[in-house]
N, C-alpha and C. Protein backbone atom coordinates (compact mmCIF):
# COMPACT_ATOMS: atom_id res chain seq x y z
N MET A 1 4.26 1.73 25.75
CA MET A 1 4.31 3.00 25.00
C MET A 1 3.98 2.76 23.52
N ALA A 2 3.13 3.43 22.90
CA ALA A 2 2.85 3.26 21.46
C ALA A 2 3.90 3.80 20.59
N LEU A 3 4.01 3.17 19.49
CA LEU A 3 5.04 3.61 18.45
C LEU A 3 4.33 4.63 17.64
N SER A 4 5.09 5.64 17.30
CA SER A 4 4.50 6.68 16.38
C SER A 4 4.54 5.98 15.03
N VAL A 5 3.64 6.54 14.05
CA VAL A 5 3.52 5.97 12.78
C VAL A 5 4.85 6.08 12.07
N ASP A 6 5.64 7.19 12.31
CA ASP A 6 6.90 7.30 11.55
C ASP A 6 8.00 6.41 11.98
N SER A 7 7.80 5.73 13.22
CA SER A 7 8.83 4.87 13.69
C SER A 7 8.48 3.42 13.27
N LEU A 8 7.48 3.11 12.66
CA LEU A 8 7.00 1.82 12.26
C LEU A 8 7.87 1.43 11.05
N PRO A 9 8.10 0.05 10.91
CA PRO A 9 8.63 -0.36 9.61
C PRO A 9 7.86 0.04 8.45
N THR A 10 8.46 -0.13 7.28
CA THR A 10 7.82 0.34 6.08
C THR A 10 6.54 -0.23 5.74
N PHE A 11 6.36 -1.53 5.76
CA PHE A 11 5.03 -2.25 5.48
C PHE A 11 3.90 -1.66 6.25
N PRO A 12 3.93 -1.80 7.65
CA PRO A 12 2.93 -1.30 8.42
C PRO A 12 2.45 0.13 8.25
N ARG A 13 3.42 0.98 7.98
CA ARG A 13 3.22 2.35 7.64
C ARG A 13 2.53 2.62 6.47
N ARG A 14 3.02 1.94 5.34
CA ARG A 14 2.37 2.13 3.95
C ARG A 14 1.01 1.54 4.02
N LEU A 15 0.81 0.36 4.61
CA LEU A 15 -0.49 -0.25 4.59
C LEU A 15 -1.54 0.67 5.35
N LYS A 16 -1.16 1.27 6.46
CA LYS A 16 -2.27 2.18 7.15
C LYS A 16 -2.37 3.45 6.18
N GLN A 17 -1.34 3.91 5.64
CA GLN A 17 -1.49 5.11 4.76
C GLN A 17 -2.39 4.76 3.54
N ALA A 18 -2.19 3.66 2.91
CA ALA A 18 -3.10 3.32 1.80
C ALA A 18 -4.54 2.98 2.21
N ARG A 19 -4.72 2.45 3.38
CA ARG A 19 -6.01 2.07 3.82
C ARG A 19 -6.86 3.46 4.12
N LYS A 20 -6.12 4.25 4.85
CA LYS A 20 -6.80 5.48 5.19
C LYS A 20 -7.10 6.32 3.80
N HIS A 21 -6.20 6.35 2.85
CA HIS A 21 -6.27 7.03 1.58
C HIS A 21 -7.52 6.48 0.84
N ALA A 22 -7.75 5.16 0.95
CA ALA A 22 -8.96 4.54 0.41
C ALA A 22 -10.24 4.65 1.22
N GLY A 23 -10.10 4.95 2.42
CA GLY A 23 -11.26 5.41 3.15
C GLY A 23 -11.87 4.11 3.71
N PHE A 24 -11.09 2.96 3.96
CA PHE A 24 -11.54 1.69 4.47
C PHE A 24 -11.27 1.68 5.94
N SER A 25 -12.13 0.92 6.64
CA SER A 25 -11.87 0.56 8.01
C SER A 25 -10.94 -0.66 7.93
N GLN A 26 -10.32 -1.02 9.11
CA GLN A 26 -9.52 -2.23 9.07
C GLN A 26 -10.34 -3.37 8.66
N LYS A 27 -11.51 -3.61 9.33
CA LYS A 27 -12.42 -4.68 8.92
C LYS A 27 -12.77 -4.71 7.45
N GLU A 28 -13.16 -3.66 6.92
CA GLU A 28 -13.52 -3.58 5.60
C GLU A 28 -12.36 -4.02 4.63
N LEU A 29 -11.22 -3.54 4.92
CA LEU A 29 -10.05 -3.84 4.12
C LEU A 29 -9.69 -5.35 4.20
N GLY A 30 -9.81 -5.91 5.44
CA GLY A 30 -9.51 -7.34 5.66
C GLY A 30 -10.55 -8.23 4.80
N ILE A 31 -11.80 -7.85 4.92
CA ILE A 31 -12.88 -8.59 4.20
C ILE A 31 -12.63 -8.41 2.66
N ARG A 32 -12.38 -7.33 2.14
CA ARG A 32 -12.17 -7.01 0.67
C ARG A 32 -10.94 -7.92 0.17
N ALA A 33 -9.97 -8.13 1.17
CA ALA A 33 -8.85 -8.95 0.81
C ALA A 33 -9.03 -10.43 0.94
N GLY A 34 -10.26 -10.82 1.38
CA GLY A 34 -10.56 -12.18 1.46
C GLY A 34 -10.28 -12.84 2.80
N LEU A 35 -10.13 -11.96 3.90
CA LEU A 35 -9.85 -12.53 5.19
C LEU A 35 -11.29 -12.84 5.76
N ASP A 36 -11.31 -13.82 6.64
CA ASP A 36 -12.53 -14.15 7.38
C ASP A 36 -13.07 -12.93 8.09
N PRO A 37 -14.29 -12.63 8.04
CA PRO A 37 -14.87 -11.35 8.75
C PRO A 37 -14.68 -11.37 10.21
N HIS A 38 -14.50 -12.52 10.77
CA HIS A 38 -14.30 -12.65 12.19
C HIS A 38 -12.90 -12.23 12.75
N VAL A 39 -11.99 -12.32 11.81
CA VAL A 39 -10.57 -11.96 12.06
C VAL A 39 -9.98 -10.84 11.32
N ALA A 40 -10.84 -10.20 10.27
CA ALA A 40 -10.37 -9.18 9.43
C ALA A 40 -9.81 -8.04 10.15
N SER A 41 -10.53 -7.48 11.08
CA SER A 41 -10.05 -6.28 11.73
C SER A 41 -8.89 -6.54 12.65
N PRO A 42 -8.82 -7.57 13.55
CA PRO A 42 -7.59 -7.76 14.28
C PRO A 42 -6.34 -8.10 13.47
N ARG A 43 -6.62 -8.78 12.33
CA ARG A 43 -5.46 -9.14 11.57
C ARG A 43 -4.83 -7.91 10.93
N ILE A 44 -5.73 -7.02 10.35
CA ILE A 44 -5.18 -5.76 9.68
C ILE A 44 -4.46 -4.92 10.82
N ASN A 45 -5.08 -4.85 11.94
CA ASN A 45 -4.54 -4.13 13.12
C ASN A 45 -3.15 -4.60 13.38
N GLN A 46 -2.91 -5.89 13.37
CA GLN A 46 -1.66 -6.50 13.68
C GLN A 46 -0.62 -6.20 12.59
N TYR A 47 -1.07 -6.10 11.33
CA TYR A 47 -0.16 -5.74 10.28
C TYR A 47 0.16 -4.30 10.36
N GLU A 48 -0.74 -3.45 10.73
CA GLU A 48 -0.55 -1.99 10.73
C GLU A 48 0.34 -1.65 11.94
N ARG A 49 0.35 -2.35 12.99
CA ARG A 49 1.19 -2.15 14.24
C ARG A 49 2.57 -2.79 14.06
N GLY A 50 2.74 -3.70 13.01
CA GLY A 50 4.04 -4.42 12.83
C GLY A 50 4.17 -5.57 13.60
N THR A 51 3.14 -5.98 14.25
CA THR A 51 3.14 -7.17 15.08
C THR A 51 3.42 -8.48 14.30
N HIS A 52 2.79 -8.41 13.09
CA HIS A 52 2.89 -9.51 12.15
C HIS A 52 3.06 -8.96 10.76
N GLU A 53 3.62 -9.63 9.74
CA GLU A 53 3.66 -9.14 8.45
C GLU A 53 3.09 -10.39 7.60
N PRO A 54 2.29 -9.97 6.68
CA PRO A 54 1.53 -10.98 5.84
C PRO A 54 2.51 -11.67 4.94
N LYS A 55 2.17 -12.81 4.49
CA LYS A 55 2.74 -13.58 3.42
C LYS A 55 2.63 -12.54 2.15
N LEU A 56 3.48 -12.82 1.16
CA LEU A 56 3.39 -12.07 -0.11
C LEU A 56 2.09 -12.10 -0.74
N GLU A 57 1.52 -13.25 -0.72
CA GLU A 57 0.23 -13.51 -1.34
C GLU A 57 -0.88 -12.68 -0.66
N THR A 58 -0.90 -12.61 0.52
CA THR A 58 -1.82 -11.71 1.31
C THR A 58 -1.50 -10.31 1.02
N ALA A 59 -0.34 -9.87 1.08
CA ALA A 59 0.01 -8.48 0.78
C ALA A 59 -0.49 -8.10 -0.62
N GLU A 60 -0.44 -9.01 -1.60
CA GLU A 60 -0.76 -8.80 -2.92
C GLU A 60 -2.37 -8.62 -2.96
N ARG A 61 -3.10 -9.34 -2.19
CA ARG A 61 -4.51 -9.27 -2.12
C ARG A 61 -4.94 -8.00 -1.41
N LEU A 62 -4.20 -7.56 -0.29
CA LEU A 62 -4.43 -6.24 0.35
C LEU A 62 -4.31 -5.04 -0.72
N ALA A 63 -3.18 -5.21 -1.52
CA ALA A 63 -2.92 -4.22 -2.48
C ALA A 63 -4.09 -4.10 -3.45
N GLN A 64 -4.43 -5.23 -3.95
CA GLN A 64 -5.52 -5.32 -5.00
C GLN A 64 -6.77 -4.73 -4.40
N ALA A 65 -7.02 -5.02 -3.13
CA ALA A 65 -8.32 -4.49 -2.51
C ALA A 65 -8.18 -2.94 -2.42
N LEU A 66 -7.07 -2.53 -2.24
CA LEU A 66 -6.67 -1.09 -2.04
C LEU A 66 -6.53 -0.36 -3.32
N GLY A 67 -6.53 -1.06 -4.44
CA GLY A 67 -6.37 -0.50 -5.79
C GLY A 67 -4.95 0.15 -6.01
N ILE A 68 -3.96 -0.41 -5.35
CA ILE A 68 -2.59 0.06 -5.44
C ILE A 68 -1.58 -1.08 -5.87
N PRO A 69 -0.49 -0.71 -6.40
CA PRO A 69 0.57 -1.70 -6.75
C PRO A 69 1.14 -2.24 -5.47
N ALA A 70 1.32 -3.55 -5.34
CA ALA A 70 1.92 -4.10 -4.11
C ALA A 70 3.30 -3.47 -3.66
N ALA A 71 3.94 -3.02 -4.76
CA ALA A 71 5.26 -2.21 -4.49
C ALA A 71 5.17 -1.11 -3.53
N PHE A 72 3.99 -0.40 -3.50
CA PHE A 72 3.79 0.66 -2.63
C PHE A 72 3.97 0.26 -1.19
N LEU A 73 3.59 -0.99 -0.82
CA LEU A 73 3.49 -1.42 0.58
C LEU A 73 5.00 -1.76 1.09
N TYR A 74 5.88 -1.77 0.13
CA TYR A 74 7.26 -2.06 0.47
C TYR A 74 8.29 -1.11 0.31
N THR A 75 8.03 -0.02 -0.47
CA THR A 75 9.05 1.03 -0.58
C THR A 75 9.18 2.03 0.46
N ASP A 76 10.44 2.26 0.84
CA ASP A 76 10.66 3.25 1.83
C ASP A 76 11.00 4.60 1.35
N ASP A 77 10.90 4.69 0.06
CA ASP A 77 11.06 5.98 -0.69
C ASP A 77 9.79 6.71 -0.84
N ASP A 78 9.66 7.86 -0.10
CA ASP A 78 8.43 8.56 -0.10
C ASP A 78 8.02 9.12 -1.44
N LEU A 79 8.90 9.52 -2.21
CA LEU A 79 8.64 10.08 -3.64
C LEU A 79 8.14 8.88 -4.43
N LEU A 80 8.88 7.80 -4.40
CA LEU A 80 8.24 6.61 -5.17
C LEU A 80 6.96 6.18 -4.67
N ALA A 81 6.61 6.25 -3.37
CA ALA A 81 5.42 5.87 -2.84
C ALA A 81 4.30 6.84 -3.46
N LYS A 82 4.59 8.05 -3.57
CA LYS A 82 3.51 8.96 -4.11
C LYS A 82 3.26 8.70 -5.53
N LEU A 83 4.39 8.38 -6.23
CA LEU A 83 4.17 7.98 -7.71
C LEU A 83 3.38 6.72 -7.80
N LEU A 84 3.59 5.76 -6.93
CA LEU A 84 2.85 4.52 -7.00
C LEU A 84 1.40 4.55 -6.73
N LEU A 85 1.12 5.60 -5.77
CA LEU A 85 -0.23 5.80 -5.45
C LEU A 85 -0.98 6.36 -6.71
N ARG A 86 -0.34 7.36 -7.24
CA ARG A 86 -0.99 7.93 -8.58
C ARG A 86 -1.00 7.04 -9.63
N TRP A 87 0.00 6.13 -9.77
CA TRP A 87 0.09 5.26 -10.90
C TRP A 87 -1.14 4.37 -11.05
N ALA A 88 -1.72 3.98 -9.90
CA ALA A 88 -2.82 3.04 -9.89
C ALA A 88 -4.06 3.76 -10.52
N SER A 89 -4.15 5.06 -10.50
CA SER A 89 -5.30 5.77 -11.01
C SER A 89 -5.15 6.39 -12.40
N MET A 90 -3.95 6.16 -12.98
CA MET A 90 -3.68 6.73 -14.32
C MET A 90 -4.09 5.74 -15.35
N THR A 91 -4.46 6.42 -16.48
CA THR A 91 -4.80 5.56 -17.71
C THR A 91 -3.47 5.04 -18.30
N LYS A 92 -3.62 4.07 -19.17
CA LYS A 92 -2.49 3.46 -19.94
C LYS A 92 -1.80 4.53 -20.66
N GLN A 93 -2.57 5.51 -21.26
CA GLN A 93 -1.90 6.54 -22.04
C GLN A 93 -1.05 7.44 -21.12
N GLN A 94 -1.69 7.83 -20.03
CA GLN A 94 -0.93 8.68 -19.04
C GLN A 94 0.30 7.95 -18.50
N LYS A 95 0.27 6.61 -18.32
CA LYS A 95 1.52 5.85 -17.89
C LYS A 95 2.56 5.90 -19.03
N ARG A 96 2.07 5.76 -20.20
CA ARG A 96 3.04 5.68 -21.36
C ARG A 96 3.65 7.08 -21.48
N GLU A 97 2.99 8.12 -21.42
CA GLU A 97 3.58 9.47 -21.52
C GLU A 97 4.49 9.72 -20.28
N LEU A 98 4.13 9.23 -19.09
CA LEU A 98 5.08 9.53 -18.04
C LEU A 98 6.39 8.64 -18.26
N VAL A 99 6.27 7.43 -18.65
CA VAL A 99 7.47 6.70 -18.90
C VAL A 99 8.23 7.39 -20.02
N LYS A 100 7.77 7.90 -21.08
CA LYS A 100 8.51 8.59 -22.12
C LYS A 100 9.22 9.72 -21.48
N LEU A 101 8.45 10.60 -20.69
CA LEU A 101 9.14 11.65 -20.04
C LEU A 101 10.35 11.22 -19.22
N ILE A 102 10.14 10.18 -18.45
CA ILE A 102 11.28 9.78 -17.61
C ILE A 102 12.45 9.28 -18.41
N GLU A 103 12.13 8.45 -19.48
CA GLU A 103 13.21 8.00 -20.35
C GLU A 103 13.93 9.18 -21.10
N ALA A 104 13.25 10.27 -21.40
CA ALA A 104 13.77 11.48 -22.01
C ALA A 104 14.66 12.20 -21.10
N ALA A 105 14.49 12.06 -19.85
CA ALA A 105 15.21 12.93 -18.81
C ALA A 105 16.72 12.44 -18.93
N PRO A 106 17.69 13.32 -18.67
CA PRO A 106 19.08 12.94 -18.68
C PRO A 106 19.37 12.17 -17.42
N GLU A 107 20.21 11.22 -17.42
CA GLU A 107 20.55 10.44 -16.28
C GLU A 107 21.68 11.25 -15.52
N LYS A 108 21.71 11.02 -14.26
CA LYS A 108 22.73 11.71 -13.54
C LYS A 108 23.63 10.73 -12.84
């Protein structure tokens, strides 16, 4: 019986989400992350199914290939995940303004 995407651990779920958001096939992502083309697709498939989890170095290369912060792949907080996806496409000025806004908000 196949696992639903929602029942997967965080890393596989986020990796698949980011890959689809980027519009990459599993093979394309693997190759962009520096995996051997002959194992790129099966390896990414194993990561997305939760069969294997990559070493941190590999996860960082995957994140770089996807244009996202590696933290996105590990957060189980959906709101933080959305922020991290947007963060990657923001300019430095936009990031500074967002941080100022957050710092100005009252703590609860």
